[in-house]
Amino acid sequence: MSKTNLMGFTVGQMEQLFERYGEQKYRGRQLFKWLYNDRLTDFVNMTNFTRELRGRLADDYAIKRLELKDRQVSVDGTEKFLFLTDDGHPVETVLIPDDDRNTLCVSSQAGCPLACRFCATGTLGLRRDLTAGEIIGQMMYIREFLGDEAFTNVVFMGMGEPLLNYDNLLASLQIMTDSMGLGIGAKKIVISTCGISPKIRQLADDGVKARLAISLHAATQAQREEIMPVARSYDLDSLIEAIRYYTDRTRTRVMFEYILMEGFNDSDEDIKALSRLMRGLPCKINLLAYNPVPGLDYRRPDDERVEWFAKELYPRAPAVMVRKSRGRDIDAACGQLAGRNMT
């Protein structure tokens, strides 16, 4: 019989494991700490368990991690890690250093089912959801490789739509934020979604403390449908209603991600439409120039156009920030992840 991989088990699941063994529940928290906090992969070294118990664990369970296939470093210091799942699917993770923080951009799916017209990941289609262990495994590898202080913040902005892998997302968040797990503060975690309206409401109802970002990229329904097929299922009106529900319920503001594409969504009319859409919403708007993807038709506006757009938008919107693209030379920037380096 194949052994069950413990990577991705929550505290509750580990407590149930020991109850089935006839052991006390607190053993589950001990194992949880050994696995995530101490990063042990061999039960022999878990010395607060009896030899017999360690043997039983080794007979029934394994601790398996993602396999690193490739690592690239950009001229700006950004690092991209290409992992392979056990069944051979590519998963990319990006580490973005900055003056006051190091941000780790993690993937929630291998590929993506949403097929946004401007995004390299969307050209892959969905290979499959990542397990909670595969999500956590990205962070654990980086810490193992670069040290516990390798990153300060985590964003679910890599491959995939995290709200379409909701249960594994929540399990990974439990492990990430537990002091005996990865010990990452919830306010240092951002979940980015293309706009799965019912799941945004569910995040609020479930009391998830991580911050929320919305990949908006267009301020009218027609424009969103043109570049984001998901908008046909979850239209702009229902998305804004869900966001209002979320902000009212959680008493927090959301971030809107708006990628500027030359000649498509960077006009004065777009500024007016965006400011109308944001009216009354507690939010912040992040602007980012499009990162070109080979084979896709959209173009990157020049820096002057981006600055103009931000300057014109700022008096009409609550908070506006221009984000600089990082890691473009290694296809690590926003919208460029596609697991290409598979040779």
C-alpha atoms as a PDB file:
ATOM      1  CA  MET A   1       0.000   0.000   0.000  1.00  0.00           C
ATOM      2  CA  SER A   2       1.180   3.531  -0.756  1.00  0.00           C
ATOM      3  CA  LYS A   3       1.765   5.755   2.216  1.00  0.00           C
ATOM      4  CA  THR A   4      -0.298   8.893   2.863  1.00  0.00           C
ATOM      5  CA  ASN A   5       1.653  12.129   2.508  1.00  0.00           C
ATOM      6  CA  LEU A   6       1.372  14.191   5.697  1.00  0.00           C
ATOM      7  CA  MET A   7       2.376  17.418   3.962  1.00  0.00           C
ATOM      8  CA  GLY A   8      -0.726  19.590   4.055  1.00  0.00           C
ATOM      9  CA  PHE A   9      -2.341  18.018   7.130  1.00  0.00           C
ATOM     10  CA  THR A  10      -3.813  20.605   9.500  1.00  0.00           C
ATOM     11  CA  VAL A  11      -3.606  20.391  13.295  1.00  0.00           C
ATOM     12  CA  GLY A  12      -7.103  18.923  13.416  1.00  0.00           C
ATOM     13  CA  GLN A  13      -6.251  16.219  10.909  1.00  0.00           C
ATOM     14  CA  MET A  14      -3.111  15.306  12.831  1.00  0.00           C
ATOM     15  CA  GLU A  15      -5.055  15.110  16.089  1.00  0.00           C
ATOM     16  CA  GLN A  16      -7.504  12.715  14.430  1.00  0.00           C
ATOM     17  CA  LEU A  17      -4.561  10.640  13.204  1.00  0.00           C
ATOM     18  CA  PHE A  18      -3.346  10.059  16.761  1.00  0.00           C
ATOM     19  CA  GLU A  19      -6.833   9.401  18.088  1.00  0.00           C
ATOM     20  CA  ARG A  20      -7.099   6.560  15.582  1.00  0.00           C
ATOM     21  CA  TYR A  21      -3.834   5.249  17.024  1.00  0.00           C
ATOM     22  CA  GLY A  22      -5.345   5.409  20.523  1.00  0.00           C
ATOM     23  CA  GLU A  23      -2.965   8.218  21.479  1.00  0.00           C
ATOM     24  CA  GLN A  24      -3.629  11.587  23.114  1.00  0.00           C
ATOM     25  CA  LYS A  25      -4.671  14.436  20.794  1.00  0.00           C
ATOM     26  CA  TYR A  26      -1.789  16.668  21.863  1.00  0.00           C
ATOM     27  CA  ARG A  27       0.513  14.370  19.909  1.00  0.00           C
ATOM     28  CA  GLY A  28      -1.021  15.876  16.773  1.00  0.00           C
ATOM     29  CA  ARG A  29       0.268  19.322  17.657  1.00  0.00           C
ATOM     30  CA  GLN A  30       3.694  17.859  18.379  1.00  0.00           C
ATOM     31  CA  LEU A  31       3.794  16.254  14.947  1.00  0.00           C
ATOM     32  CA  PHE A  32       2.462  19.471  13.389  1.00  0.00           C
ATOM     33  CA  LYS A  33       5.381  21.429  14.865  1.00  0.00           C
ATOM     34  CA  TRP A  34       7.953  18.818  13.830  1.00  0.00           C
ATOM     35  CA  LEU A  35       6.697  18.922  10.252  1.00  0.00           C
ATOM     36  CA  TYR A  36       6.125  22.632   9.582  1.00  0.00           C
ATOM     37  CA  ASN A  37       8.086  24.557  12.182  1.00  0.00           C
ATOM     38  CA  ASP A  38      11.131  22.311  12.452  1.00  0.00           C
ATOM     39  CA  ARG A  39      10.832  21.007   8.870  1.00  0.00           C
ATOM     40  CA  LEU A  40      11.679  17.415   9.736  1.00  0.00           C
ATOM     41  CA  THR A  41      11.020  14.770   7.100  1.00  0.00           C
ATOM     42  CA  ASP A  42      12.181  11.671   9.010  1.00  0.00           C
ATOM     43  CA  PHE A  43      10.078  10.320  11.876  1.00  0.00           C
ATOM     44  CA  VAL A  44      13.244   8.878  13.480  1.00  0.00           C
ATOM     45  CA  ASN A  45      14.249  12.401  14.531  1.00  0.00           C
ATOM     46  CA  MET A  46      10.931  13.165  16.277  1.00  0.00           C
ATOM     47  CA  THR A  47      12.358  12.314  19.645  1.00  0.00           C
ATOM     48  CA  ASN A  48       9.343  13.065  21.860  1.00  0.00           C
ATOM     49  CA  PHE A  49       7.560  10.071  20.312  1.00  0.00           C
ATOM     50  CA  THR A  50       8.255   6.535  21.462  1.00  0.00           C
ATOM     51  CA  ARG A  51      10.206   4.255  19.152  1.00  0.00           C
ATOM     52  CA  GLU A  52       7.049   2.196  18.597  1.00  0.00           C
ATOM     53  CA  LEU A  53       5.000   5.265  17.664  1.00  0.00           C
ATOM     54  CA  ARG A  54       7.679   6.500  15.283  1.00  0.00           C
ATOM     55  CA  GLY A  55       7.669   3.088  13.647  1.00  0.00           C
ATOM     56  CA  ARG A  56       3.894   3.151  13.185  1.00  0.00           C
ATOM     57  CA  LEU A  57       4.055   6.606  11.641  1.00  0.00           C
ATOM     58  CA  ALA A  58       6.809   5.508   9.257  1.00  0.00           C
ATOM     59  CA  ASP A  59       4.785   2.436   8.239  1.00  0.00           C
ATOM     60  CA  ASP A  60       1.637   4.424   7.440  1.00  0.00           C
ATOM     61  CA  TYR A  61       2.787   7.887   6.402  1.00  0.00           C
ATOM     62  CA  ALA A  62       5.427   9.754   4.438  1.00  0.00           C
ATOM     63  CA  ILE A  63       6.548  13.389   4.274  1.00  0.00           C
ATOM     64  CA  LYS A  64       7.072  14.248   0.616  1.00  0.00           C
ATOM     65  CA  ARG A  65       7.939  17.647  -0.806  1.00  0.00           C
ATOM     66  CA  LEU A  66       7.806  19.263  -4.224  1.00  0.00           C
ATOM     67  CA  GLU A  67      10.750  18.603  -6.533  1.00  0.00           C
ATOM     68  CA  LEU A  68      12.690  21.664  -7.685  1.00  0.00           C
ATOM     69  CA  LYS A  69      13.214  21.577 -11.444  1.00  0.00           C
ATOM     70  CA  ASP A  70      14.784  24.969 -12.076  1.00  0.00           C
ATOM     71  CA  ARG A  71      15.688  28.287 -10.442  1.00  0.00           C
ATOM     72  CA  GLN A  72      16.295  31.585 -12.209  1.00  0.00           C
ATOM     73  CA  VAL A  73      17.474  34.948 -10.871  1.00  0.00           C
ATOM     74  CA  SER A  74      16.527  38.237 -12.508  1.00  0.00           C
ATOM     75  CA  VAL A  75      18.806  41.233 -12.894  1.00  0.00           C
ATOM     76  CA  ASP A  76      16.570  43.021 -10.352  1.00  0.00           C
ATOM     77  CA  GLY A  77      17.014  40.277  -7.740  1.00  0.00           C
ATOM     78  CA  THR A  78      13.673  38.544  -8.299  1.00  0.00           C
ATOM     79  CA  GLU A  79      13.946  34.748  -8.126  1.00  0.00           C
ATOM     80  CA  LYS A  80      11.692  32.230  -9.868  1.00  0.00           C
ATOM     81  CA  PHE A  81      11.439  28.618  -8.744  1.00  0.00           C
ATOM     82  CA  LEU A  82       9.957  25.936 -10.990  1.00  0.00           C
ATOM     83  CA  PHE A  83       8.684  22.909  -9.081  1.00  0.00           C
ATOM     84  CA  LEU A  84       7.233  19.639 -10.306  1.00  0.00           C
ATOM     85  CA  THR A  85       4.419  17.781  -8.591  1.00  0.00           C
ATOM     86  CA  ASP A  86       4.649  14.019  -8.132  1.00  0.00           C
ATOM     87  CA  ASP A  87       2.639  13.570 -11.321  1.00  0.00           C
ATOM     88  CA  GLY A  88       4.821  15.965 -13.324  1.00  0.00           C
ATOM     89  CA  HIS A  89       2.855  19.221 -13.392  1.00  0.00           C
ATOM     90  CA  PRO A  90       4.734  22.556 -13.336  1.00  0.00           C
ATOM     91  CA  VAL A  91       4.286  24.924 -10.403  1.00  0.00           C
ATOM     92  CA  GLU A  92       6.033  28.299 -10.342  1.00  0.00           C
ATOM     93  CA  THR A  93       6.830  30.417  -7.282  1.00  0.00           C
ATOM     94  CA  VAL A  94       8.385  33.881  -7.319  1.00  0.00           C
ATOM     95  CA  LEU A  95      10.364  35.632  -4.581  1.00  0.00           C
ATOM     96  CA  ILE A  96      10.358  39.421  -4.916  1.00  0.00           C
ATOM     97  CA  PRO A  97      12.828  41.324  -2.725  1.00  0.00           C
ATOM     98  CA  ASP A  98      12.142  44.927  -1.774  1.00  0.00           C
ATOM     99  CA  ASP A  99      13.552  47.473   0.657  1.00  0.00           C
ATOM    100  CA  ASP A 100      11.202  46.753   3.553  1.00  0.00           C
ATOM    101  CA  ARG A 101       9.757  43.350   2.635  1.00  0.00           C
ATOM    102  CA  ASN A 102      10.361  40.170   0.693  1.00  0.00           C
ATOM    103  CA  THR A 103       7.209  38.908  -0.956  1.00  0.00           C
ATOM    104  CA  LEU A 104       6.636  35.305  -1.996  1.00  0.00           C
ATOM    105  CA  CYS A 105       4.156  34.815  -4.834  1.00  0.00           C
ATOM    106  CA  VAL A 106       2.720  31.293  -4.565  1.00  0.00           C
ATOM    107  CA  SER A 107       0.585  29.175  -6.891  1.00  0.00           C
ATOM    108  CA  SER A 108      -2.693  27.500  -5.966  1.00  0.00           C
ATOM    109  CA  GLN A 109      -3.238  25.470  -9.145  1.00  0.00           C
ATOM    110  CA  ALA A 110      -1.065  23.888 -11.818  1.00  0.00           C
ATOM    111  CA  GLY A 111      -2.156  25.977 -14.762  1.00  0.00           C
ATOM    112  CA  CYS A 112      -5.422  27.921 -14.625  1.00  0.00           C
ATOM    113  CA  PRO A 113      -8.942  27.292 -15.977  1.00  0.00           C
ATOM    114  CA  LEU A 114      -9.935  30.951 -16.442  1.00  0.00           C
ATOM    115  CA  ALA A 115      -8.093  31.633 -19.745  1.00  0.00           C
ATOM    116  CA  CYS A 116      -7.675  35.383 -19.296  1.00  0.00           C
ATOM    117  CA  ARG A 117      -6.685  36.659 -22.736  1.00  0.00           C
ATOM    118  CA  PHE A 118      -3.603  38.559 -21.547  1.00  0.00           C
ATOM    119  CA  CYS A 119      -2.116  35.946 -19.222  1.00  0.00           C
ATOM    120  CA  ALA A 120       0.488  33.278 -20.001  1.00  0.00           C
ATOM    121  CA  THR A 121      -0.814  30.938 -17.299  1.00  0.00           C
ATOM    122  CA  GLY A 122      -4.238  30.973 -18.932  1.00  0.00           C
ATOM    123  CA  THR A 123      -2.770  29.443 -22.095  1.00  0.00           C
ATOM    124  CA  LEU A 124      -1.932  26.265 -20.138  1.00  0.00           C
ATOM    125  CA  GLY A 125      -5.481  25.444 -19.108  1.00  0.00           C
ATOM    126  CA  LEU A 126      -6.018  23.742 -15.781  1.00  0.00           C
ATOM    127  CA  ARG A 127      -3.778  20.760 -15.109  1.00  0.00           C
ATOM    128  CA  ARG A 128      -5.199  20.279 -11.603  1.00  0.00           C
ATOM    129  CA  ASP A 129      -5.703  21.904  -8.204  1.00  0.00           C
ATOM    130  CA  LEU A 130      -2.711  21.880  -5.904  1.00  0.00           C
ATOM    131  CA  THR A 131      -3.097  20.093  -2.599  1.00  0.00           C
ATOM    132  CA  ALA A 132      -2.661  22.035   0.625  1.00  0.00           C
ATOM    133  CA  GLY A 133       0.693  20.274   0.974  1.00  0.00           C
ATOM    134  CA  GLU A 134       1.824  21.458  -2.460  1.00  0.00           C
ATOM    135  CA  ILE A 135       0.828  25.029  -1.621  1.00  0.00           C
ATOM    136  CA  ILE A 136       2.646  24.914   1.722  1.00  0.00           C
ATOM    137  CA  GLY A 137       5.539  23.029   0.123  1.00  0.00           C
ATOM    138  CA  GLN A 138       6.447  26.063  -1.994  1.00  0.00           C
ATOM    139  CA  MET A 139       6.964  28.181   1.124  1.00  0.00           C
ATOM    140  CA  MET A 140       8.770  25.461   3.042  1.00  0.00           C
ATOM    141  CA  TYR A 141      11.252  24.913   0.223  1.00  0.00           C
ATOM    142  CA  ILE A 142      12.101  28.626   0.074  1.00  0.00           C
ATOM    143  CA  ARG A 143      12.698  28.711   3.819  1.00  0.00           C
ATOM    144  CA  GLU A 144      14.793  25.558   3.663  1.00  0.00           C
ATOM    145  CA  PHE A 145      16.835  26.970   0.782  1.00  0.00           C
ATOM    146  CA  LEU A 146      17.159  30.629   1.811  1.00  0.00           C
ATOM    147  CA  GLY A 147      16.420  30.658   5.556  1.00  0.00           C
ATOM    148  CA  ASP A 148      13.492  31.477   7.824  1.00  0.00           C
ATOM    149  CA  GLU A 149      13.686  35.197   6.984  1.00  0.00           C
ATOM    150  CA  ALA A 150      13.597  34.609   3.228  1.00  0.00           C
ATOM    151  CA  PHE A 151      10.161  36.212   2.913  1.00  0.00           C
ATOM    152  CA  THR A 152       7.959  38.435   5.050  1.00  0.00           C
ATOM    153  CA  ASN A 153       4.769  38.460   2.975  1.00  0.00           C
ATOM    154  CA  VAL A 154       2.865  35.912   0.901  1.00  0.00           C
ATOM    155  CA  VAL A 155       0.563  36.629  -2.049  1.00  0.00           C
ATOM    156  CA  PHE A 156      -1.620  34.078  -3.815  1.00  0.00           C
ATOM    157  CA  MET A 157      -0.931  35.655  -7.196  1.00  0.00           C
ATOM    158  CA  GLY A 158       0.964  32.833  -8.890  1.00  0.00           C
ATOM    159  CA  MET A 159      -0.544  30.189 -11.119  1.00  0.00           C
ATOM    160  CA  GLY A 160      -4.247  29.533 -10.730  1.00  0.00           C
ATOM    161  CA  GLU A 161      -7.383  30.986  -9.175  1.00  0.00           C
ATOM    162  CA  PRO A 162      -7.184  30.347  -5.416  1.00  0.00           C
ATOM    163  CA  LEU A 163     -10.936  30.673  -4.810  1.00  0.00           C
ATOM    164  CA  LEU A 164     -11.547  27.747  -7.185  1.00  0.00           C
ATOM    165  CA  ASN A 165      -9.372  25.629  -4.880  1.00  0.00           C
ATOM    166  CA  TYR A 166     -11.120  26.892  -1.778  1.00  0.00           C
ATOM    167  CA  ASP A 167     -10.780  23.984   0.664  1.00  0.00           C
ATOM    168  CA  ASN A 168      -7.063  23.551   0.029  1.00  0.00           C
ATOM    169  CA  LEU A 169      -6.587  27.313   0.219  1.00  0.00           C
ATOM    170  CA  LEU A 170      -8.201  27.399   3.676  1.00  0.00           C
ATOM    171  CA  ALA A 171      -6.197  24.402   4.887  1.00  0.00           C
ATOM    172  CA  SER A 172      -2.964  26.044   3.744  1.00  0.00           C
ATOM    173  CA  LEU A 173      -3.947  29.297   5.465  1.00  0.00           C
ATOM    174  CA  GLN A 174      -4.495  27.418   8.732  1.00  0.00           C
ATOM    175  CA  ILE A 175      -1.001  25.932   8.492  1.00  0.00           C
ATOM    176  CA  MET A 176       0.601  29.213   7.428  1.00  0.00           C
ATOM    177  CA  THR A 177      -0.845  31.310  10.253  1.00  0.00           C
ATOM    178  CA  ASP A 178      -0.458  28.819  13.111  1.00  0.00           C
ATOM    179  CA  SER A 179       2.397  29.762  15.444  1.00  0.00           C
ATOM    180  CA  MET A 180       3.453  26.094  15.462  1.00  0.00           C
ATOM    181  CA  GLY A 181       3.222  26.022  11.675  1.00  0.00           C
ATOM    182  CA  LEU A 182       4.795  28.667   9.467  1.00  0.00           C
ATOM    183  CA  GLY A 183       3.871  31.492  11.832  1.00  0.00           C
ATOM    184  CA  ILE A 184       2.936  34.044   9.153  1.00  0.00           C
ATOM    185  CA  GLY A 185       0.604  36.830  10.263  1.00  0.00           C
ATOM    186  CA  ALA A 186      -2.731  36.808   8.414  1.00  0.00           C
ATOM    187  CA  LYS A 187      -2.391  40.492   7.522  1.00  0.00           C
ATOM    188  CA  LYS A 188       0.807  39.655   5.633  1.00  0.00           C
ATOM    189  CA  ILE A 189      -1.074  37.272   3.329  1.00  0.00           C
ATOM    190  CA  VAL A 190      -3.014  38.416   0.246  1.00  0.00           C
ATOM    191  CA  ILE A 191      -5.502  36.265  -1.666  1.00  0.00           C
ATOM    192  CA  SER A 192      -5.949  37.461  -5.240  1.00  0.00           C
ATOM    193  CA  THR A 193      -9.035  36.483  -7.225  1.00  0.00           C
ATOM    194  CA  CYS A 194     -10.320  37.207 -10.723  1.00  0.00           C
ATOM    195  CA  GLY A 195     -13.762  37.669  -9.196  1.00  0.00           C
ATOM    196  CA  ILE A 196     -15.476  34.461  -8.031  1.00  0.00           C
ATOM    197  CA  SER A 197     -18.326  36.346  -6.359  1.00  0.00           C
ATOM    198  CA  PRO A 198     -19.863  33.561  -4.197  1.00  0.00           C
ATOM    199  CA  LYS A 199     -16.456  32.620  -2.793  1.00  0.00           C
ATOM    200  CA  ILE A 200     -15.693  36.249  -1.919  1.00  0.00           C
ATOM    201  CA  ARG A 201     -18.823  36.211   0.217  1.00  0.00           C
ATOM    202  CA  GLN A 202     -17.755  32.880   1.695  1.00  0.00           C
ATOM    203  CA  LEU A 203     -14.372  34.304   2.673  1.00  0.00           C
ATOM    204  CA  ALA A 204     -16.207  36.938   4.701  1.00  0.00           C
ATOM    205  CA  ASP A 205     -18.609  34.412   6.243  1.00  0.00           C
ATOM    206  CA  ASP A 206     -15.751  32.055   7.150  1.00  0.00           C
ATOM    207  CA  GLY A 207     -13.871  34.844   8.915  1.00  0.00           C
ATOM    208  CA  VAL A 208     -10.713  34.499   6.824  1.00  0.00           C
ATOM    209  CA  LYS A 209      -8.279  37.141   8.077  1.00  0.00           C
ATOM    210  CA  ALA A 210      -5.984  37.311   5.051  1.00  0.00           C
ATOM    211  CA  ARG A 211      -6.341  40.377   2.852  1.00  0.00           C
ATOM    212  CA  LEU A 212      -8.245  40.303  -0.439  1.00  0.00           C
ATOM    213  CA  ALA A 213      -7.151  41.556  -3.862  1.00  0.00           C
ATOM    214  CA  ILE A 214      -9.358  41.686  -6.947  1.00  0.00           C
ATOM    215  CA  SER A 215      -7.872  41.274 -10.426  1.00  0.00           C
ATOM    216  CA  LEU A 216     -10.120  43.823 -12.110  1.00  0.00           C
ATOM    217  CA  HIS A 217      -8.232  45.108 -15.203  1.00  0.00           C
ATOM    218  CA  ALA A 218     -11.318  46.742 -16.735  1.00  0.00           C
ATOM    219  CA  ALA A 219     -14.099  48.917 -15.360  1.00  0.00           C
ATOM    220  CA  THR A 220     -16.949  47.938 -17.690  1.00  0.00           C
ATOM    221  CA  GLN A 221     -18.682  44.623 -18.199  1.00  0.00           C
ATOM    222  CA  ALA A 222     -17.983  44.568 -21.946  1.00  0.00           C
ATOM    223  CA  GLN A 223     -14.253  45.138 -21.476  1.00  0.00           C
ATOM    224  CA  ARG A 224     -13.968  42.525 -18.724  1.00  0.00           C
ATOM    225  CA  GLU A 225     -15.751  39.947 -20.879  1.00  0.00           C
ATOM    226  CA  GLU A 226     -13.337  40.668 -23.729  1.00  0.00           C
ATOM    227  CA  ILE A 227     -10.232  39.852 -21.675  1.00  0.00           C
ATOM    228  CA  MET A 228     -11.604  37.707 -18.821  1.00  0.00           C
ATOM    229  CA  PRO A 229     -14.117  34.977 -19.729  1.00  0.00           C
ATOM    230  CA  VAL A 230     -14.916  34.521 -16.016  1.00  0.00           C
ATOM    231  CA  ALA A 231     -16.808  37.829 -16.211  1.00  0.00           C
ATOM    232  CA  ARG A 232     -19.564  36.085 -18.169  1.00  0.00           C
ATOM    233  CA  SER A 233     -20.287  33.846 -15.193  1.00  0.00           C
ATOM    234  CA  TYR A 234     -19.706  36.469 -12.492  1.00  0.00           C
ATOM    235  CA  ASP A 235     -20.586  39.845 -13.945  1.00  0.00           C
ATOM    236  CA  LEU A 236     -19.268  43.158 -12.720  1.00  0.00           C
ATOM    237  CA  ASP A 237     -22.440  44.078 -10.820  1.00  0.00           C
ATOM    238  CA  SER A 238     -22.436  40.823  -8.841  1.00  0.00           C
ATOM    239  CA  LEU A 239     -18.711  41.201  -8.207  1.00  0.00           C
ATOM    240  CA  ILE A 240     -19.076  44.703  -6.773  1.00  0.00           C
ATOM    241  CA  GLU A 241     -22.026  43.539  -4.643  1.00  0.00           C
ATOM    242  CA  ALA A 242     -19.897  40.684  -3.282  1.00  0.00           C
ATOM    243  CA  ILE A 243     -17.040  43.094  -2.539  1.00  0.00           C
ATOM    244  CA  ARG A 244     -19.387  45.453  -0.678  1.00  0.00           C
ATOM    245  CA  TYR A 245     -20.637  42.481   1.329  1.00  0.00           C
ATOM    246  CA  TYR A 246     -17.046  41.513   2.093  1.00  0.00           C
ATOM    247  CA  THR A 247     -15.945  45.009   3.167  1.00  0.00           C
ATOM    248  CA  ASP A 248     -19.064  45.492   5.308  1.00  0.00           C
ATOM    249  CA  ARG A 249     -18.683  42.109   6.978  1.00  0.00           C
ATOM    250  CA  THR A 250     -14.930  42.227   7.564  1.00  0.00           C
ATOM    251  CA  ARG A 251     -14.493  45.984   8.087  1.00  0.00           C
ATOM    252  CA  THR A 252     -11.441  45.893   5.847  1.00  0.00           C
ATOM    253  CA  ARG A 253     -10.649  47.427   2.495  1.00  0.00           C
ATOM    254  CA  VAL A 254      -9.831  45.468  -0.638  1.00  0.00           C
ATOM    255  CA  MET A 255      -7.104  45.988  -3.216  1.00  0.00           C
ATOM    256  CA  PHE A 256      -7.939  46.258  -6.901  1.00  0.00           C
ATOM    257  CA  GLU A 257      -5.265  45.132  -9.357  1.00  0.00           C
ATOM    258  CA  TYR A 258      -5.523  46.974 -12.674  1.00  0.00           C
ATOM    259  CA  ILE A 259      -3.122  46.012 -15.458  1.00  0.00           C
ATOM    260  CA  LEU A 260      -2.830  48.810 -18.006  1.00  0.00           C
ATOM    261  CA  MET A 261      -2.863  47.686 -21.647  1.00  0.00           C
ATOM    262  CA  GLU A 262      -2.076  50.186 -24.346  1.00  0.00           C
ATOM    263  CA  GLY A 263      -5.125  51.302 -26.294  1.00  0.00           C
ATOM    264  CA  PHE A 264      -7.468  49.009 -24.388  1.00  0.00           C
ATOM    265  CA  ASN A 265      -8.042  50.257 -20.841  1.00  0.00           C
ATOM    266  CA  ASP A 266      -5.777  53.298 -20.432  1.00  0.00           C
ATOM    267  CA  SER A 267      -7.946  56.172 -21.692  1.00  0.00           C
ATOM    268  CA  ASP A 268      -9.652  59.093 -19.969  1.00  0.00           C
ATOM    269  CA  GLU A 269     -12.962  57.230 -20.342  1.00  0.00           C
ATOM    270  CA  ASP A 270     -11.451  54.285 -18.498  1.00  0.00           C
ATOM    271  CA  ILE A 271     -10.421  56.591 -15.660  1.00  0.00           C
ATOM    272  CA  LYS A 272     -13.966  57.904 -15.380  1.00  0.00           C
ATOM    273  CA  ALA A 273     -15.467  54.397 -15.458  1.00  0.00           C
ATOM    274  CA  LEU A 274     -13.019  53.139 -12.845  1.00  0.00           C
ATOM    275  CA  SER A 275     -13.643  56.058 -10.501  1.00  0.00           C
ATOM    276  CA  ARG A 276     -17.417  55.520 -10.782  1.00  0.00           C
ATOM    277  CA  LEU A 277     -17.004  51.838 -10.014  1.00  0.00           C
ATOM    278  CA  MET A 278     -14.884  52.523  -6.921  1.00  0.00           C
ATOM    279  CA  ARG A 279     -17.223  55.156  -5.488  1.00  0.00           C
ATOM    280  CA  GLY A 280     -18.009  54.425  -1.850  1.00  0.00           C
ATOM    281  CA  LEU A 281     -15.791  51.343  -1.657  1.00  0.00           C
ATOM    282  CA  PRO A 282     -13.020  51.164   0.967  1.00  0.00           C
ATOM    283  CA  CYS A 283     -10.219  50.183  -1.380  1.00  0.00           C
ATOM    284  CA  LYS A 284      -6.773  50.722  -2.797  1.00  0.00           C
ATOM    285  CA  ILE A 285      -5.971  50.560  -6.527  1.00  0.00           C
ATOM    286  CA  ASN A 286      -2.682  49.088  -7.728  1.00  0.00           C
ATOM    287  CA  LEU A 287      -1.754  50.004 -11.288  1.00  0.00           C
ATOM    288  CA  LEU A 288       0.693  47.867 -13.249  1.00  0.00           C
ATOM    289  CA  ALA A 289       1.837  48.146 -16.850  1.00  0.00           C
ATOM    290  CA  TYR A 290       1.138  45.019 -18.886  1.00  0.00           C
ATOM    291  CA  ASN A 291       3.940  42.487 -19.136  1.00  0.00           C
ATOM    292  CA  PRO A 292       4.007  41.222 -22.734  1.00  0.00           C
ATOM    293  CA  VAL A 293       3.491  37.513 -23.393  1.00  0.00           C
ATOM    294  CA  PRO A 294       4.668  35.958 -26.692  1.00  0.00           C
ATOM    295  CA  GLY A 295       1.715  35.115 -28.914  1.00  0.00           C
ATOM    296  CA  LEU A 296      -0.746  37.416 -27.136  1.00  0.00           C
ATOM    297  CA  ASP A 297      -1.910  40.640 -28.736  1.00  0.00           C
ATOM    298  CA  TYR A 298      -1.853  43.160 -25.883  1.00  0.00           C
ATOM    299  CA  ARG A 299       0.828  45.835 -25.594  1.00  0.00           C
ATOM    300  CA  ARG A 300       2.582  47.537 -22.708  1.00  0.00           C
ATOM    301  CA  PRO A 301       2.021  51.311 -22.358  1.00  0.00           C
ATOM    302  CA  ASP A 302       5.050  53.496 -21.764  1.00  0.00           C
ATOM    303  CA  ASP A 303       5.906  54.752 -18.283  1.00  0.00           C
ATOM    304  CA  GLU A 304       4.625  58.252 -19.059  1.00  0.00           C
ATOM    305  CA  ARG A 305       1.189  56.881 -19.900  1.00  0.00           C
ATOM    306  CA  VAL A 306       1.074  54.881 -16.672  1.00  0.00           C
ATOM    307  CA  GLU A 307       2.046  57.924 -14.601  1.00  0.00           C
ATOM    308  CA  TRP A 308      -0.544  60.048 -16.394  1.00  0.00           C
ATOM    309  CA  PHE A 309      -3.251  57.484 -15.708  1.00  0.00           C
ATOM    310  CA  ALA A 310      -2.328  57.348 -12.007  1.00  0.00           C
ATOM    311  CA  LYS A 311      -2.215  61.142 -11.698  1.00  0.00           C
ATOM    312  CA  GLU A 312      -5.633  61.560 -13.319  1.00  0.00           C
ATOM    313  CA  LEU A 313      -7.199  58.746 -11.313  1.00  0.00           C
ATOM    314  CA  TYR A 314      -5.854  59.718  -7.891  1.00  0.00           C
ATOM    315  CA  PRO A 315      -8.170  62.672  -7.118  1.00  0.00           C
ATOM    316  CA  ARG A 316     -11.192  60.512  -7.938  1.00  0.00           C
ATOM    317  CA  ALA A 317     -10.256  57.272  -6.154  1.00  0.00           C
ATOM    318  CA  PRO A 318      -9.394  56.512  -2.491  1.00  0.00           C
ATOM    319  CA  ALA A 319      -5.760  55.407  -2.918  1.00  0.00           C
ATOM    320  CA  VAL A 320      -3.724  54.772  -6.056  1.00  0.00           C
ATOM    321  CA  MET A 321      -0.298  53.176  -6.330  1.00  0.00           C
ATOM    322  CA  VAL A 322       1.847  52.319  -9.345  1.00  0.00           C
ATOM    323  CA  ARG A 323       3.554  48.946  -8.983  1.00  0.00           C
ATOM    324  CA  LYS A 324       6.757  48.291 -10.875  1.00  0.00           C
ATOM    325  CA  SER A 325       7.130  45.052 -12.802  1.00  0.00           C
ATOM    326  CA  ARG A 326       9.741  42.701 -11.361  1.00  0.00           C
ATOM    327  CA  GLY A 327      11.471  39.743 -12.970  1.00  0.00           C
ATOM    328  CA  ARG A 328      10.374  40.426 -16.550  1.00  0.00           C
ATOM    329  CA  ASP A 329      13.658  39.143 -17.986  1.00  0.00           C
ATOM    330  CA  ILE A 330      13.003  35.645 -16.524  1.00  0.00           C
ATOM    331  CA  ASP A 331       9.228  35.593 -17.233  1.00  0.00           C
ATOM    332  CA  ALA A 332       8.515  35.976 -13.522  1.00  0.00           C
ATOM    333  CA  ALA A 333       6.412  39.140 -13.678  1.00  0.00           C
ATOM    334  CA  CYS A 334       2.656  39.340 -13.269  1.00  0.00           C
ATOM    335  CA  GLY A 335       0.878  37.325 -15.978  1.00  0.00           C
ATOM    336  CA  GLN A 336       4.026  35.646 -17.288  1.00  0.00           C
ATOM    337  CA  LEU A 337       4.066  32.354 -15.319  1.00  0.00           C
ATOM    338  CA  ALA A 338       3.684  29.390 -17.649  1.00  0.00           C
ATOM    339  CA  GLY A 339       6.248  26.784 -16.551  1.00  0.00           C
ATOM    340  CA  ARG A 340       8.147  27.168 -19.805  1.00  0.00           C
ATOM    341  CA  ASN A 341      11.576  26.130 -18.611  1.00  0.00           C
ATOM    342  CA  MET A 342      10.844  22.402 -18.540  1.00  0.00           C
ATOM    343  CA  THR A 343      13.895  21.089 -20.354  1.00  0.00           C
END
